[in-house]
C-alpha atoms as a PDB file:
ATOM      1  CA  MET A   1       0.000   0.000   0.000  1.00  0.00           C
ATOM      2  CA  ASN A   2       1.436   3.368  -0.973  1.00  0.00           C
ATOM      3  CA  GLU A   3       1.848   6.323   1.399  1.00  0.00           C
ATOM      4  CA  THR A   4      -1.309   8.099   0.263  1.00  0.00           C
ATOM      5  CA  LEU A   5      -3.453   5.016   0.837  1.00  0.00           C
ATOM      6  CA  ARG A   6      -1.819   4.581   4.250  1.00  0.00           C
ATOM      7  CA  ALA A   7      -2.703   8.172   5.149  1.00  0.00           C
ATOM      8  CA  LEU A   8      -6.282   7.664   3.937  1.00  0.00           C
ATOM      9  CA  ARG A   9      -6.502   4.473   5.979  1.00  0.00           C
ATOM     10  CA  SER A  10      -5.272   6.211   9.131  1.00  0.00           C
ATOM     11  CA  ARG A  11      -7.829   8.976   8.785  1.00  0.00           C
ATOM     12  CA  ALA A  12     -10.615   6.523   7.947  1.00  0.00           C
ATOM     13  CA  LEU A  13      -9.911   4.512  11.090  1.00  0.00           C
ATOM     14  CA  GLU A  14     -10.040   7.697  13.210  1.00  0.00           C
ATOM     15  CA  ASP A  15     -12.953   9.481  11.504  1.00  0.00           C
ATOM     16  CA  PRO A  16     -16.171   7.439  10.956  1.00  0.00           C
ATOM     17  CA  ALA A  17     -17.706  10.048   8.615  1.00  0.00           C
ATOM     18  CA  PHE A  18     -14.594  10.049   6.419  1.00  0.00           C
ATOM     19  CA  ARG A  19     -14.596   6.239   6.405  1.00  0.00           C
ATOM     20  CA  ALA A  20     -18.260   6.193   5.344  1.00  0.00           C
ATOM     21  CA  ALA A  21     -17.514   8.631   2.512  1.00  0.00           C
ATOM     22  CA  LEU A  22     -14.627   6.440   1.316  1.00  0.00           C
ATOM     23  CA  LEU A  23     -16.827   3.340   1.379  1.00  0.00           C
ATOM     24  CA  LYS A  24     -19.514   5.210  -0.568  1.00  0.00           C
ATOM     25  CA  THR A  25     -17.093   5.691  -3.486  1.00  0.00           C
ATOM     26  CA  ARG A  26     -17.457   1.955  -4.201  1.00  0.00           C
ATOM     27  CA  GLU A  27     -21.046   2.597  -5.340  1.00  0.00           C
ATOM     28  CA  ALA A  28     -19.997   4.933  -8.175  1.00  0.00           C
ATOM     29  CA  ALA A  29     -20.122   3.899 -11.824  1.00  0.00           C
ATOM     30  CA  ASP A  30     -16.305   4.010 -11.813  1.00  0.00           C
ATOM     31  CA  PRO A  31     -15.351   3.298  -8.176  1.00  0.00           C
ATOM     32  CA  LEU A  32     -11.596   3.533  -8.687  1.00  0.00           C
ATOM     33  CA  LEU A  33     -11.888   6.975 -10.275  1.00  0.00           C
ATOM     34  CA  ALA A  34     -14.360   8.048  -7.566  1.00  0.00           C
ATOM     35  CA  LEU A  35     -11.862   7.067  -4.865  1.00  0.00           C
ATOM     36  CA  CYS A  36      -9.073   9.040  -6.574  1.00  0.00           C
ATOM     37  CA  GLU A  37     -11.255  12.125  -7.016  1.00  0.00           C
ATOM     38  CA  PHE A  38     -12.506  11.990  -3.428  1.00  0.00           C
ATOM     39  CA  ALA A  39      -9.012  11.485  -1.997  1.00  0.00           C
ATOM     40  CA  THR A  40      -7.508  14.272  -4.099  1.00  0.00           C
ATOM     41  CA  GLY A  41     -10.364  16.600  -3.141  1.00  0.00           C
ATOM     42  CA  CYS A  42      -9.592  15.919   0.538  1.00  0.00           C
ATOM     43  CA  GLY A  43      -5.910  16.768   0.118  1.00  0.00           C
ATOM     44  CA  TYR A  44      -4.569  13.269  -0.513  1.00  0.00           C
ATOM     45  CA  PRO A  45      -3.305  13.326  -4.116  1.00  0.00           C
ATOM     46  CA  LEU A  46      -4.041   9.944  -5.644  1.00  0.00           C
ATOM     47  CA  SER A  47      -4.162   8.857  -9.291  1.00  0.00           C
ATOM     48  CA  LEU A  48      -5.395   5.759 -11.041  1.00  0.00           C
ATOM     49  CA  GLY A  49      -1.794   4.899 -11.910  1.00  0.00           C
ATOM     50  CA  ASP A  50      -0.766   5.090  -8.262  1.00  0.00           C
ATOM     51  CA  ILE A  51      -3.240   2.387  -7.335  1.00  0.00           C
ATOM     52  CA  ILE A  52      -2.863   0.184 -10.407  1.00  0.00           C
ATOM     53  CA  SER A  53       0.943   0.086 -10.319  1.00  0.00           C
ATOM     54  CA  ASP A  54       1.251  -0.192  -6.528  1.00  0.00           C
ATOM     55  CA  GLY A  55       1.969  -3.928  -6.327  1.00  0.00           C
ATOM     56  CA  GLU A  56       3.482  -4.260  -9.782  1.00  0.00           C
ATOM     57  CA  GLU A  57       6.634  -2.294  -8.979  1.00  0.00           C
ATOM     58  CA  PHE A  58       7.488  -4.470  -5.984  1.00  0.00           C
ATOM     59  CA  CYS A  59       6.898  -7.655  -7.944  1.00  0.00           C
ATOM     60  CA  CYS A  60       8.947  -6.490 -10.928  1.00  0.00           C
ATOM     61  CA  ASN A  61      11.838  -5.472  -8.679  1.00  0.00           C
ATOM     62  CA  GLN A  62      11.783  -8.902  -7.051  1.00  0.00           C
ATOM     63  CA  MET A  63      11.921 -10.582 -10.451  1.00  0.00           C
ATOM     64  CA  LYS A  64      14.830  -8.379 -11.584  1.00  0.00           C
ATOM     65  CA  SER A  65      16.784  -8.960  -8.376  1.00  0.00           C
ATOM     66  CA  THR A  66      16.824 -12.731  -8.883  1.00  0.00           C
ATOM     67  CA  ASN A  67      19.940 -13.972 -10.663  1.00  0.00           C
ATOM     68  CA  GLY A  68      18.807 -14.473 -14.239  1.00  0.00           C
ATOM     69  CA  GLY A  69      15.263 -13.413 -13.441  1.00  0.00           C
ATOM     70  CA  ASN A  70      12.674 -15.414 -11.610  1.00  0.00           C
ATOM     71  CA  PRO A  71      11.515 -18.172 -13.984  1.00  0.00           C
ATOM     72  CA  MET A  72       8.183 -18.529 -12.183  1.00  0.00           C
ATOM     73  CA  PRO A  73       7.338 -15.049 -10.842  1.00  0.00           C
ATOM     74  CA  TYR A  74       3.648 -15.625 -10.352  1.00  0.00           C
ATOM     75  CA  ASP A  75       4.218 -18.690  -8.183  1.00  0.00           C
ATOM     76  CA  CYS A  76       6.262 -16.695  -5.680  1.00  0.00           C
ATOM     77  CA  PHE A  77       4.921 -13.177  -5.901  1.00  0.00           C
ATOM     78  CA  GLY A  78       1.444 -11.941  -6.585  1.00  0.00           C
ATOM     79  CA  PHE A  79       0.219  -8.583  -7.645  1.00  0.00           C
ATOM     80  CA  ASP A  80      -1.890  -7.489  -4.703  1.00  0.00           C
ATOM     81  CA  ASP A  81      -4.922  -5.492  -5.665  1.00  0.00           C
ATOM     82  CA  ALA A  82      -4.158  -2.270  -3.772  1.00  0.00           C
ATOM     83  CA  TYR A  83      -7.722  -1.021  -4.195  1.00  0.00           C
ATOM     84  CA  GLU A  84      -9.293  -4.130  -2.652  1.00  0.00           C
ATOM     85  CA  MET A  85      -6.628  -4.420   0.047  1.00  0.00           C
ATOM     86  CA  PHE A  86      -7.272  -0.794   1.029  1.00  0.00           C
ATOM     87  CA  PHE A  87     -10.982  -1.346   1.483  1.00  0.00           C
ATOM     88  CA  LEU A  88     -10.460  -4.597   3.348  1.00  0.00           C
ATOM     89  CA  SER A  89      -8.218  -2.703   5.771  1.00  0.00           C
ATOM     90  CA  ILE A  90     -10.930  -0.151   6.650  1.00  0.00           C
ATOM     91  CA  GLU A  91     -14.013  -2.370   6.746  1.00  0.00           C
END
């Protein structure tokens, strides 16, 4: 989870109204975009790319750090869905 999502999580766990507003973004036609717009509007700059690439960078770095590359990257490392993991952490 990136720093912005961590900050959102901290506030959501302390402020029930903020948490409810975050959870409400999941009802939007485009929930990922709604989360980014809400977070940015509250002073937590967050883009679609931030969320989508969150787990990918870690996984790619792990594959590159293995001598010769990891031949079976998806058996060892998964791409966590940062969006889902965020909401699981505040429910």
